[in-house]
């Protein structure tokens, strides 16, 4: 059995899943012809600033951790969403079946534009999808999520170390994750954890610099990138933590109702919100 398959079944009860969240906050530069004639979006409450979007995600996750999630009225939203979508955040995350961004951030339909792939890396298809979210859907925030004990990263480390070739199309994942693994060689400590963190940071940089759409919304490259420490836990485990990046980028032309968006720095520290990847008890809705 290959390492990807083996890791797929390693859902140990006492193993915390940690999400390293890296956010790219982007003000939207819509087409001039559309800007003059904007229709009312399907979900007006999603027309918010990047900071407000990140705050909404973290508060939703806090509810999820506590098991006090909201009851979402899907029937009431169905008609409005049949006319379009305007998600308040786009998320690039791992394809692991135990991690569902819509659930762990306690969101409803039409709130998140989610792109999932094993190893949460920005392939051309992922970049194109995120570009669509920013350019067409006017999504103000892009977040990259990586999880603790990622099977794809672990298998890449072992494949490179042993000089083995994984079956089928899996070598394409190894090739995509290899830069993160190579970058942490010789660092000492937990190689897997270091590679997971590096993979998140490298893909944030890739998304941020992707031309022509996403790079157009990049902020002042002279400003240092901010860091925040994100903690995660599941019901059976003690809290663990993992460093993540949170970056905001400058708006070219803000189209949000609350005015111009500015690039800001997010303080790091132990006070950052928890991000939980496992179902909480007594969920409502």
Protein backbone atom coordinates (compact mmCIF):
# COMPACT_ATOMS: atom_id res chain seq x y z
CA UNK A 1 0.00 0.00 0.00
CA UNK A 2 1.44 3.42 -0.95
CA UNK A 3 1.90 6.17 1.63
CA UNK A 4 -1.04 8.17 0.29
CA UNK A 5 -3.36 5.21 0.77
CA UNK A 6 -1.93 4.37 4.18
CA UNK A 7 -2.30 7.93 5.43
CA UNK A 8 -5.85 8.05 4.19
CA UNK A 9 -6.84 5.64 6.93
CA UNK A 10 -4.72 7.10 9.72
CA UNK A 11 -7.46 9.09 11.44
CA UNK A 12 -6.08 8.50 14.93
CA UNK A 13 -8.49 9.69 17.61
CA UNK A 14 -5.77 11.52 19.51
CA UNK A 15 -4.14 13.18 16.54
CA UNK A 16 -5.02 16.84 16.13
CA UNK A 17 -5.60 18.20 12.66
CA UNK A 18 -3.96 21.57 12.32
CA UNK A 19 -4.83 24.07 9.67
CA UNK A 20 -2.27 26.67 8.76
CA UNK A 21 -4.29 29.48 7.35
CA UNK A 22 -2.75 31.97 5.03
CA UNK A 23 -4.95 34.70 3.70
CA UNK A 24 -4.53 36.98 0.73
CA UNK A 25 -6.93 39.87 1.11
CA UNK A 26 -7.77 41.34 -2.24
CA UNK A 27 -9.86 44.37 -3.15
CA UNK A 28 -11.50 43.77 -6.48
CA UNK A 29 -10.83 45.58 -9.73
CA UNK A 30 -13.87 44.78 -11.83
CA UNK A 31 -14.36 45.56 -15.49
CA UNK A 32 -15.26 49.20 -16.13
CA UNK A 33 -18.38 48.29 -18.06
CA UNK A 34 -19.68 46.16 -15.21
CA UNK A 35 -18.67 48.59 -12.49
CA UNK A 36 -21.09 51.19 -13.74
CA UNK A 37 -24.01 48.81 -13.72
CA UNK A 38 -23.52 46.51 -10.73
CA UNK A 39 -26.59 44.53 -9.80
CA UNK A 40 -27.54 43.79 -6.22
CA UNK A 41 -25.51 40.69 -5.26
CA UNK A 42 -27.34 37.50 -4.23
CA UNK A 43 -25.95 37.82 -0.69
CA UNK A 44 -25.43 41.51 0.18
CA UNK A 45 -24.00 40.52 3.56
CA UNK A 46 -21.00 39.05 1.71
CA UNK A 47 -19.95 42.44 0.31
CA UNK A 48 -17.33 43.14 2.98
CA UNK A 49 -13.70 44.13 3.35
CA UNK A 50 -10.85 41.57 3.49
CA UNK A 51 -10.41 42.21 7.22
CA UNK A 52 -14.10 41.67 7.84
CA UNK A 53 -14.02 38.47 5.79
CA UNK A 54 -11.16 37.05 7.83
CA UNK A 55 -12.91 38.04 11.05
CA UNK A 56 -16.06 36.30 9.89
CA UNK A 57 -14.13 33.10 9.15
CA UNK A 58 -12.44 33.05 12.54
CA UNK A 59 -15.67 33.73 14.41
CA UNK A 60 -17.40 30.98 12.46
CA UNK A 61 -14.67 28.56 13.40
CA UNK A 62 -14.92 29.60 17.04
CA UNK A 63 -18.60 28.63 16.96
CA UNK A 64 -17.67 25.33 15.34
CA UNK A 65 -15.10 24.58 18.03
CA UNK A 66 -17.69 25.23 20.74
CA UNK A 67 -20.41 23.25 18.98
CA UNK A 68 -22.69 26.29 18.74
CA UNK A 69 -22.96 26.53 14.96
CA UNK A 70 -25.74 28.48 13.30
CA UNK A 71 -28.82 26.95 11.71
CA UNK A 72 -28.51 27.79 8.00
CA UNK A 73 -31.74 28.27 6.09
CA UNK A 74 -30.83 26.70 2.76
CA UNK A 75 -34.40 26.79 1.46
CA UNK A 76 -34.64 30.55 1.98
CA UNK A 77 -31.34 31.17 0.14
CA UNK A 78 -32.05 28.90 -2.80
CA UNK A 79 -33.90 31.43 -4.95
CA UNK A 80 -31.34 34.22 -4.51
CA UNK A 81 -28.41 31.92 -5.25
CA UNK A 82 -30.04 30.63 -8.43
CA UNK A 83 -29.26 34.04 -9.96
CA UNK A 84 -25.55 34.09 -9.12
CA UNK A 85 -22.96 34.01 -6.35
CA UNK A 86 -20.73 36.42 -4.43
CA UNK A 87 -18.71 34.43 -1.87
CA UNK A 88 -16.88 36.46 0.78
CA UNK A 89 -13.80 34.21 0.76
CA UNK A 90 -11.98 31.81 -1.56
CA UNK A 91 -10.15 28.93 0.08
CA UNK A 92 -7.42 26.68 -1.31
CA UNK A 93 -7.38 23.60 0.91
CA UNK A 94 -6.45 19.95 1.08
CA UNK A 95 -8.76 17.33 -0.42
CA UNK A 96 -8.77 15.30 2.81
CA UNK A 97 -12.33 14.08 3.45
CA UNK A 98 -12.12 15.05 7.12
CA UNK A 99 -11.60 18.73 6.37
CA UNK A 100 -14.57 20.65 4.96
CA UNK A 101 -14.03 24.44 5.00
CA UNK A 102 -17.76 25.11 4.70
CA UNK A 103 -18.32 23.21 7.95
CA UNK A 104 -15.29 24.19 10.02
CA UNK A 105 -15.94 27.88 9.29
CA UNK A 106 -19.70 27.50 9.89
CA UNK A 107 -20.75 29.01 6.58
CA UNK A 108 -23.78 28.63 4.34
CA UNK A 109 -24.11 27.98 0.63
CA UNK A 110 -22.77 30.81 -1.49
CA UNK A 111 -20.36 32.00 1.22
CA UNK A 112 -17.11 30.22 0.28
CA UNK A 113 -15.48 29.52 -3.08
CA UNK A 114 -13.52 26.35 -2.26
CA UNK A 115 -10.72 24.81 -4.33
CA UNK A 116 -9.48 21.47 -2.99
CA UNK A 117 -6.49 19.37 -3.99
CA UNK A 118 -4.29 16.86 -2.13
CA UNK A 119 -1.41 18.88 -0.67
CA UNK A 120 -3.23 22.24 -1.04
CA UNK A 121 -0.90 23.53 -3.75
CA UNK A 122 -1.66 26.13 -6.40
CA UNK A 123 -1.74 24.22 -9.68
CA UNK A 124 -2.60 26.08 -12.87
CA UNK A 125 -6.20 24.97 -12.49
CA UNK A 126 -6.35 26.22 -8.90
CA UNK A 127 -4.82 29.56 -9.87
CA UNK A 128 -7.33 29.93 -12.70
CA UNK A 129 -10.20 29.15 -10.35
CA UNK A 130 -9.00 31.66 -7.75
CA UNK A 131 -8.56 34.24 -10.50
CA UNK A 132 -12.18 33.68 -11.48
CA UNK A 133 -13.25 34.21 -7.87
CA UNK A 134 -11.39 37.52 -7.67
CA UNK A 135 -12.04 38.92 -11.14
CA UNK A 136 -15.61 37.80 -11.74
CA UNK A 137 -17.13 37.03 -8.35
CA UNK A 138 -15.38 39.94 -6.56
CA UNK A 139 -14.24 37.75 -3.67
CA UNK A 140 -12.31 39.94 -1.18
CA UNK A 141 -10.22 37.25 0.55
CA UNK A 142 -8.12 34.27 -0.52
CA UNK A 143 -7.05 31.83 2.17
CA UNK A 144 -4.61 28.91 1.89
CA UNK A 145 -5.14 26.08 4.40
CA UNK A 146 -2.71 23.32 5.25
CA UNK A 147 -3.31 20.57 7.77
CA UNK A 148 -1.17 18.78 10.32
CA UNK A 149 0.15 15.32 9.35
CA UNK A 150 -0.66 15.90 5.67
CA UNK A 151 -0.42 12.53 3.92
CA UNK A 152 0.58 14.07 0.59
CA UNK A 153 3.53 15.95 2.11
CA UNK A 154 4.53 12.92 4.19
CA UNK A 155 4.52 10.65 1.14
CA UNK A 156 6.59 13.20 -0.78
CA UNK A 157 9.22 13.28 1.95
CA UNK A 158 9.47 9.48 1.98
CA UNK A 159 9.48 9.16 -1.81
CA UNK A 160 12.32 11.67 -2.15
CA UNK A 161 14.28 10.16 0.72
CA UNK A 162 13.98 6.57 -0.52
CA UNK A 163 14.26 7.38 -4.21
CA UNK A 164 11.03 5.54 -4.93
CA UNK A 165 8.34 6.36 -7.50
CA UNK A 166 4.73 6.29 -6.38
CA UNK A 167 2.14 4.61 -8.61
CA UNK A 168 -0.20 6.17 -11.16
CA UNK A 169 -0.43 9.95 -11.26
CA UNK A 170 0.88 10.40 -7.72
CA UNK A 171 4.36 11.50 -8.92
CA UNK A 172 2.72 14.74 -10.14
CA UNK A 173 1.81 15.53 -6.52
CA UNK A 174 5.35 14.72 -5.42
CA UNK A 175 6.74 17.10 -8.03
CA UNK A 176 4.40 19.88 -6.85
CA UNK A 177 5.30 19.43 -3.18
CA UNK A 178 9.03 18.84 -3.68
CA UNK A 179 10.01 22.55 -3.44
CA UNK A 180 8.60 22.77 0.08
CA UNK A 181 10.36 19.58 1.17
CA UNK A 182 13.67 20.68 -0.37
CA UNK A 183 13.40 24.07 1.31
CA UNK A 184 13.35 22.63 4.83
CA UNK A 185 16.15 20.11 4.47
CA UNK A 186 18.76 20.64 7.18
CA UNK A 187 16.51 22.79 9.36
CA UNK A 188 16.26 20.22 12.11
CA UNK A 189 13.19 19.50 14.16
CA UNK A 190 10.03 18.05 12.65
CA UNK A 191 10.65 17.73 8.91
CA UNK A 192 7.01 16.98 8.14
CA UNK A 193 5.70 19.95 10.13
CA UNK A 194 8.33 22.25 8.64
CA UNK A 195 7.48 21.12 5.11
CA UNK A 196 3.74 21.62 5.68
CA UNK A 197 4.33 25.18 6.86
CA UNK A 198 6.72 25.90 4.00
CA UNK A 199 4.24 24.49 1.48
CA UNK A 200 1.57 26.92 2.70
CA UNK A 201 3.93 29.89 2.46
CA UNK A 202 5.23 28.96 -0.99
CA UNK A 203 1.73 28.63 -2.35
CA UNK A 204 0.62 31.92 -0.84
CA UNK A 205 3.53 33.52 -2.68
CA UNK A 206 2.59 31.71 -5.89
CA UNK A 207 -1.03 32.83 -5.70
CA UNK A 208 0.00 36.37 -4.87
CA UNK A 209 2.34 36.63 -7.87
CA UNK A 210 0.17 34.79 -10.41
CA UNK A 211 -0.22 37.00 -13.49
CA UNK A 212 -2.18 38.60 -14.92
CA UNK A 213 -5.19 38.61 -12.59
CA UNK A 214 -4.10 37.81 -9.03
CA UNK A 215 -0.81 39.71 -9.20
CA UNK A 216 -2.75 42.83 -10.18
CA UNK A 217 -4.24 42.93 -6.70
CA UNK A 218 -0.96 42.39 -4.82
CA UNK A 219 -0.19 45.01 -2.20
CA UNK A 220 2.99 46.88 -1.44
CA UNK A 221 5.71 44.27 -1.84
CA UNK A 222 7.99 46.37 0.37
CA UNK A 223 5.82 45.71 3.40
CA UNK A 224 6.84 42.67 5.48
CA UNK A 225 4.40 39.80 5.45
CA UNK A 226 2.54 39.40 8.67
CA UNK A 227 2.33 36.12 10.54
CA UNK A 228 -0.32 34.76 12.80
CA UNK A 229 -0.27 31.61 14.89
CA UNK A 230 -3.32 29.46 14.30
CA UNK A 231 -4.29 26.74 16.72
CA UNK A 232 -6.44 23.74 16.00
CA UNK A 233 -7.90 20.89 17.95
CA UNK A 234 -10.34 18.05 17.62
CA UNK A 235 -12.67 16.80 20.31
CA UNK A 236 -10.37 14.04 21.58
CA UNK A 237 -7.05 15.84 21.46
CA UNK A 238 -5.10 18.52 23.21
CA UNK A 239 -4.61 21.80 21.40
CA UNK A 240 -1.69 21.95 18.99
CA UNK A 241 -0.48 24.95 17.06
CA UNK A 242 1.10 25.71 13.73
CA UNK A 243 2.46 28.92 12.23
CA UNK A 244 0.54 30.32 9.32
CA UNK A 245 0.79 33.38 7.14
CA UNK A 246 -1.90 36.01 6.89
CA UNK A 247 -1.31 38.55 4.16
CA UNK A 248 -3.43 41.42 3.04
CA UNK A 249 -2.94 43.03 -0.34
CA UNK A 250 -3.77 46.45 -1.67
CA UNK A 251 -6.95 47.18 -3.56
CA UNK A 252 -6.65 48.53 -7.08
CA UNK A 253 -10.25 49.72 -7.13
CA UNK A 254 -12.40 48.92 -4.14
CA UNK A 255 -15.97 48.05 -5.08
CA UNK A 256 -17.14 47.26 -1.58
CA UNK A 257 -19.84 49.31 0.05
CA UNK A 258 -17.59 50.23 2.99
CA UNK A 259 -15.14 52.16 0.83
CA UNK A 260 -11.47 51.78 0.01
CA UNK A 261 -9.55 48.83 1.36
CA UNK A 262 -6.11 49.28 2.83
CA UNK A 263 -3.16 46.98 3.32
CA UNK A 264 -2.70 46.25 7.02
CA UNK A 265 -0.51 44.06 9.17
CA UNK A 266 -2.03 41.28 11.24
CA UNK A 267 -0.42 40.82 14.65
CA UNK A 268 0.77 37.35 15.49
CA UNK A 269 0.66 35.76 18.90
CA UNK A 270 -1.08 33.26 21.09
CA UNK A 271 -4.35 35.13 20.95
CA UNK A 272 -5.13 34.03 17.39
CA UNK A 273 -8.35 32.12 16.88
CA UNK A 274 -8.63 28.35 16.74
CA UNK A 275 -9.25 26.51 13.50
CA UNK A 276 -10.88 23.14 14.01
CA UNK A 277 -10.97 20.46 11.31
CA UNK A 278 -13.13 17.92 13.12
CA UNK A 279 -16.91 17.91 13.66
CA UNK A 280 -18.08 19.38 16.93
CA UNK A 281 -20.81 17.81 19.07
CA UNK A 282 -24.39 19.04 19.09
CA UNK A 283 -24.24 20.78 15.73
CA UNK A 284 -27.44 22.59 14.79
CA UNK A 285 -28.59 22.79 11.20
